[in-house]
N, C-alpha and C. Protein backbone atom coordinates (compact mmCIF):
# COMPACT_ATOMS: atom_id res chain seq x y z
N MET A 1 -43.31 14.27 -92.55
CA MET A 1 -44.67 14.15 -93.22
C MET A 1 -45.02 12.96 -93.86
N LEU A 2 -46.20 12.43 -93.57
CA LEU A 2 -46.58 11.25 -94.25
C LEU A 2 -46.82 11.46 -95.76
N PRO A 3 -46.62 10.53 -96.52
CA PRO A 3 -46.90 10.68 -97.93
C PRO A 3 -48.38 10.78 -98.25
N LYS A 4 -48.84 12.05 -98.55
CA LYS A 4 -50.28 12.41 -98.90
C LYS A 4 -50.84 11.36 -99.96
N ALA A 5 -50.20 11.07 -100.93
CA ALA A 5 -50.68 10.18 -101.99
C ALA A 5 -51.07 8.78 -101.57
N THR A 6 -50.17 8.36 -100.60
CA THR A 6 -50.36 7.13 -100.09
C THR A 6 -51.59 7.04 -98.98
N ILE A 7 -51.74 8.13 -98.31
CA ILE A 7 -52.82 8.16 -97.34
C ILE A 7 -54.14 8.32 -98.14
N LYS A 8 -54.16 9.12 -99.32
CA LYS A 8 -55.35 9.32 -100.00
C LYS A 8 -55.60 7.83 -100.85
N ARG A 9 -54.72 7.02 -101.32
CA ARG A 9 -54.93 5.76 -101.94
C ARG A 9 -55.62 4.94 -101.06
N ILE A 10 -55.01 4.81 -99.59
CA ILE A 10 -55.68 4.00 -98.75
C ILE A 10 -57.11 4.43 -98.29
N MET A 11 -57.21 5.71 -98.15
CA MET A 11 -58.50 6.09 -97.97
C MET A 11 -59.67 5.69 -99.19
N LYS A 12 -59.07 5.91 -100.35
CA LYS A 12 -59.91 5.54 -101.55
C LYS A 12 -60.31 4.17 -101.69
N GLU A 13 -59.29 3.14 -101.11
CA GLU A 13 -59.56 1.85 -101.15
C GLU A 13 -60.92 1.46 -100.10
N HIS A 14 -61.39 2.38 -99.31
CA HIS A 14 -62.39 2.12 -98.45
C HIS A 14 -63.64 2.79 -98.64
N THR A 15 -63.58 3.67 -99.66
CA THR A 15 -64.91 4.44 -99.94
C THR A 15 -64.92 4.82 -101.55
N ASP A 16 -66.20 5.01 -101.95
CA ASP A 16 -66.39 5.52 -103.18
C ASP A 16 -66.69 7.02 -103.26
N PHE A 17 -66.55 7.73 -102.07
CA PHE A 17 -66.80 9.08 -102.02
C PHE A 17 -65.43 9.64 -102.53
N ASN A 18 -65.79 11.02 -103.02
CA ASN A 18 -64.47 11.77 -103.36
C ASN A 18 -63.81 12.16 -102.01
N ILE A 19 -62.64 12.28 -102.12
CA ILE A 19 -61.95 12.86 -100.92
C ILE A 19 -61.05 14.13 -101.01
N SER A 20 -61.35 15.07 -100.18
CA SER A 20 -60.83 16.37 -100.49
C SER A 20 -59.40 16.52 -99.94
N SER A 21 -58.61 17.37 -100.47
CA SER A 21 -57.09 17.51 -99.93
C SER A 21 -57.21 17.93 -98.53
N GLU A 22 -58.09 18.67 -98.05
CA GLU A 22 -58.35 19.04 -96.63
C GLU A 22 -58.46 17.68 -95.65
N ALA A 23 -59.23 16.88 -96.32
CA ALA A 23 -59.46 15.57 -95.47
C ALA A 23 -58.15 14.80 -95.37
N VAL A 24 -57.37 14.59 -96.46
CA VAL A 24 -56.22 14.07 -96.50
C VAL A 24 -55.19 14.81 -95.63
N ASP A 25 -55.04 15.91 -95.53
CA ASP A 25 -54.37 16.72 -94.61
C ASP A 25 -54.77 16.60 -93.27
N GLU A 26 -55.95 16.51 -92.75
CA GLU A 26 -56.30 16.35 -91.44
C GLU A 26 -55.87 14.93 -90.82
N LEU A 27 -56.28 14.05 -91.82
CA LEU A 27 -55.91 12.65 -91.56
C LEU A 27 -54.38 12.38 -91.33
N CYS A 28 -53.50 13.04 -92.07
CA CYS A 28 -52.20 13.10 -91.86
C CYS A 28 -51.66 13.59 -90.65
N ASN A 29 -52.23 14.76 -90.37
CA ASN A 29 -51.92 15.33 -88.98
C ASN A 29 -52.28 14.51 -87.89
N MET A 30 -53.54 13.88 -88.07
CA MET A 30 -53.97 13.09 -86.77
C MET A 30 -53.05 11.73 -86.80
N LEU A 31 -52.69 11.25 -87.86
CA LEU A 31 -51.94 10.11 -87.81
C LEU A 31 -50.51 10.37 -87.35
N GLU A 32 -49.99 11.48 -87.66
CA GLU A 32 -48.55 11.86 -87.22
C GLU A 32 -48.49 11.99 -85.79
N GLU A 33 -49.71 12.59 -85.40
CA GLU A 33 -49.83 12.71 -83.82
C GLU A 33 -49.80 11.28 -83.07
N ILE A 34 -50.61 10.49 -83.60
CA ILE A 34 -50.68 9.13 -83.12
C ILE A 34 -49.34 8.44 -83.17
N ILE A 35 -48.83 8.50 -84.26
CA ILE A 35 -47.48 7.95 -84.50
C ILE A 35 -46.41 8.54 -83.41
N LYS A 36 -46.35 9.75 -83.25
CA LYS A 36 -45.50 10.38 -82.25
C LYS A 36 -45.67 9.96 -80.87
N ILE A 37 -47.02 9.98 -80.42
CA ILE A 37 -47.16 9.41 -79.03
C ILE A 37 -46.88 7.97 -78.95
N THR A 38 -47.30 7.15 -79.85
CA THR A 38 -47.00 5.83 -79.86
C THR A 38 -45.42 5.50 -79.72
N THR A 39 -44.81 6.29 -80.53
CA THR A 39 -43.24 6.07 -80.45
C THR A 39 -42.68 6.36 -79.18
N GLU A 40 -43.19 7.55 -78.59
CA GLU A 40 -42.71 7.88 -77.22
C GLU A 40 -43.02 6.74 -76.18
N VAL A 41 -44.16 6.26 -76.28
CA VAL A 41 -44.53 5.09 -75.32
C VAL A 41 -43.72 3.83 -75.62
N ALA A 42 -43.63 3.58 -76.87
CA ALA A 42 -42.76 2.37 -77.25
C ALA A 42 -41.28 2.61 -76.69
N GLU A 43 -40.79 3.79 -76.84
CA GLU A 43 -39.43 4.13 -76.33
C GLU A 43 -39.41 3.83 -74.84
N GLN A 44 -40.45 4.24 -74.04
CA GLN A 44 -40.23 3.81 -72.68
C GLN A 44 -40.42 2.54 -72.35
N ASN A 45 -41.25 1.75 -73.20
CA ASN A 45 -41.07 0.33 -73.06
C ASN A 45 -39.91 -0.42 -73.26
N ALA A 46 -39.29 0.06 -74.31
CA ALA A 46 -37.86 -0.53 -74.62
C ALA A 46 -36.95 -0.08 -73.38
N ARG A 47 -36.94 1.21 -73.05
CA ARG A 47 -36.05 1.68 -71.91
C ARG A 47 -36.20 0.76 -70.74
N LYS A 48 -37.41 0.56 -70.23
CA LYS A 48 -37.74 -0.40 -69.14
C LYS A 48 -37.01 -1.59 -69.12
N GLU A 49 -36.87 -2.10 -70.41
CA GLU A 49 -36.16 -3.45 -70.59
C GLU A 49 -34.60 -3.28 -70.86
N GLY A 50 -34.24 -2.00 -70.75
CA GLY A 50 -32.66 -1.81 -70.93
C GLY A 50 -32.41 -1.84 -72.40
N ARG A 51 -33.14 -1.73 -73.35
CA ARG A 51 -32.72 -1.64 -74.74
C ARG A 51 -32.83 -0.22 -75.27
N LYS A 52 -31.99 -0.11 -76.49
CA LYS A 52 -32.09 1.27 -77.19
C LYS A 52 -32.64 1.00 -78.53
N THR A 53 -33.43 -0.12 -78.75
CA THR A 53 -34.01 -0.46 -79.97
C THR A 53 -35.41 -0.81 -79.60
N ILE A 54 -36.33 0.04 -80.55
CA ILE A 54 -37.83 -0.17 -80.20
C ILE A 54 -38.18 -1.44 -81.23
N LYS A 55 -38.81 -2.52 -80.55
CA LYS A 55 -39.13 -3.59 -81.20
C LYS A 55 -40.78 -3.67 -81.36
N ALA A 56 -41.16 -4.64 -82.13
CA ALA A 56 -42.60 -4.83 -82.50
C ALA A 56 -43.55 -4.81 -81.25
N ARG A 57 -42.78 -5.69 -80.26
CA ARG A 57 -43.61 -5.76 -78.89
C ARG A 57 -43.84 -4.47 -78.15
N ASP A 58 -42.76 -3.56 -78.39
CA ASP A 58 -42.95 -2.25 -77.60
C ASP A 58 -44.22 -1.52 -78.27
N ILE A 59 -44.30 -1.67 -79.52
CA ILE A 59 -45.44 -0.88 -80.30
C ILE A 59 -46.87 -1.63 -79.71
N LYS A 60 -46.83 -2.94 -79.85
CA LYS A 60 -47.99 -3.70 -79.40
C LYS A 60 -48.39 -3.47 -78.00
N ASN A 61 -47.52 -3.11 -77.15
CA ASN A 61 -47.89 -2.83 -75.79
C ASN A 61 -48.07 -1.53 -75.28
N CYS A 62 -48.34 -0.67 -76.37
CA CYS A 62 -48.51 0.87 -76.05
C CYS A 62 -50.11 1.13 -75.54
N ASP A 63 -50.24 0.33 -74.45
CA ASP A 63 -51.61 0.67 -73.71
C ASP A 63 -51.28 1.91 -72.75
N ASP A 64 -51.40 3.04 -73.29
CA ASP A 64 -50.91 4.17 -72.41
C ASP A 64 -52.20 5.11 -72.49
N GLU A 65 -52.45 5.63 -71.33
CA GLU A 65 -53.36 6.51 -71.20
C GLU A 65 -53.41 7.69 -72.05
N ARG A 66 -52.22 8.33 -72.13
CA ARG A 66 -51.96 9.37 -72.99
C ARG A 66 -52.30 9.26 -74.46
N LEU A 67 -52.02 8.09 -75.01
CA LEU A 67 -52.36 7.68 -76.34
C LEU A 67 -53.96 7.67 -76.49
N LYS A 68 -54.49 7.09 -75.58
CA LYS A 68 -55.98 6.80 -75.50
C LYS A 68 -56.57 8.28 -75.54
N ARG A 69 -55.99 9.01 -74.50
CA ARG A 69 -56.78 10.53 -74.38
C ARG A 69 -56.57 11.17 -75.76
N ARG A 70 -55.50 11.04 -76.37
CA ARG A 70 -55.36 11.80 -77.57
C ARG A 70 -56.11 11.44 -78.65
N ILE A 71 -56.33 10.01 -78.83
CA ILE A 71 -57.32 9.44 -79.78
C ILE A 71 -58.68 9.90 -79.46
N MET A 72 -59.10 10.03 -78.20
CA MET A 72 -60.39 10.40 -77.72
C MET A 72 -60.67 11.89 -78.13
N GLU A 73 -59.60 12.57 -77.77
CA GLU A 73 -59.68 13.86 -78.21
C GLU A 73 -59.88 14.44 -79.58
N LEU A 74 -59.11 13.56 -80.51
CA LEU A 74 -59.19 13.74 -82.01
C LEU A 74 -60.70 13.36 -82.34
N SER A 75 -61.16 12.22 -81.70
CA SER A 75 -62.58 11.63 -82.14
C SER A 75 -63.62 12.73 -81.77
N GLU A 76 -63.50 13.51 -80.64
CA GLU A 76 -64.39 14.62 -80.34
C GLU A 76 -64.41 15.73 -81.36
N ARG A 77 -63.30 15.77 -82.21
CA ARG A 77 -63.45 16.82 -83.21
C ARG A 77 -64.12 16.37 -84.62
N THR A 78 -64.73 15.21 -84.41
CA THR A 78 -65.33 14.54 -85.55
C THR A 78 -66.26 15.44 -86.31
N ASP A 79 -67.10 16.41 -85.47
CA ASP A 79 -68.23 17.08 -86.13
C ASP A 79 -67.70 18.02 -87.18
N LYS A 80 -66.28 18.23 -87.40
CA LYS A 80 -65.91 18.94 -88.37
C LYS A 80 -65.06 18.03 -89.29
N MET A 81 -65.16 16.72 -89.29
CA MET A 81 -64.29 16.00 -90.18
C MET A 81 -65.35 15.17 -91.32
N PRO A 82 -64.67 14.94 -92.39
CA PRO A 82 -65.52 13.96 -93.22
C PRO A 82 -65.98 12.75 -92.54
N ILE A 83 -66.95 12.18 -93.25
CA ILE A 83 -67.44 10.96 -92.49
C ILE A 83 -66.51 9.83 -92.56
N LEU A 84 -65.60 9.57 -93.45
CA LEU A 84 -64.55 8.48 -93.52
C LEU A 84 -63.69 8.53 -92.23
N ILE A 85 -63.25 9.71 -91.85
CA ILE A 85 -62.41 9.88 -90.77
C ILE A 85 -63.19 9.73 -89.52
N LYS A 86 -64.41 10.24 -89.44
CA LYS A 86 -65.20 10.05 -88.40
C LYS A 86 -65.42 8.57 -87.95
N GLU A 87 -65.61 7.66 -89.20
CA GLU A 87 -65.92 6.24 -88.89
C GLU A 87 -64.56 5.73 -88.40
N MET A 88 -63.46 6.04 -88.96
CA MET A 88 -62.19 5.56 -88.47
C MET A 88 -61.98 5.76 -86.91
N LEU A 89 -62.19 7.00 -86.55
CA LEU A 89 -61.81 7.31 -85.08
C LEU A 89 -62.93 6.60 -84.27
N ASN A 90 -64.16 6.50 -84.76
CA ASN A 90 -65.09 5.69 -83.92
C ASN A 90 -64.73 4.30 -83.73
N VAL A 91 -64.23 3.71 -84.77
CA VAL A 91 -63.65 2.27 -84.53
C VAL A 91 -62.53 2.34 -83.57
N ILE A 92 -61.47 3.08 -83.67
CA ILE A 92 -60.48 3.21 -82.82
C ILE A 92 -60.85 3.38 -81.25
N THR A 93 -61.78 4.34 -81.25
CA THR A 93 -62.24 4.68 -79.87
C THR A 93 -62.99 3.70 -79.18
N SER A 94 -63.81 2.92 -79.94
CA SER A 94 -64.51 1.77 -79.36
C SER A 94 -63.46 0.62 -78.99
N GLU A 95 -62.43 0.46 -79.56
CA GLU A 95 -61.35 -0.56 -79.39
C GLU A 95 -60.74 0.05 -78.00
N LEU A 96 -60.61 1.08 -77.74
CA LEU A 96 -59.88 1.49 -76.60
C LEU A 96 -60.67 1.45 -75.33
N LYS A 97 -62.00 1.44 -75.39
CA LYS A 97 -62.89 1.47 -74.18
C LYS A 97 -62.95 0.17 -73.49
């Protein structure tokens, strides 16, 4: 589990709005899902090169449909999310198109 205090601090750096604990929990869950999928794809990238170590380039090269699809799915749930999370997902989604 990601440190909620750190996530909340990062969120607060980008807004003057109050942030509910539910918003922090939701963002933590979303980020954990993105990290999980990114790690799986990075592992595949390292494996293709015969390595057992994930390097920065493996993360940078995570241009995977599964990751894009999951982020798109998360962005579709934005009608139930605070505006800050909605904006973050809109930025990520626009970068993936």
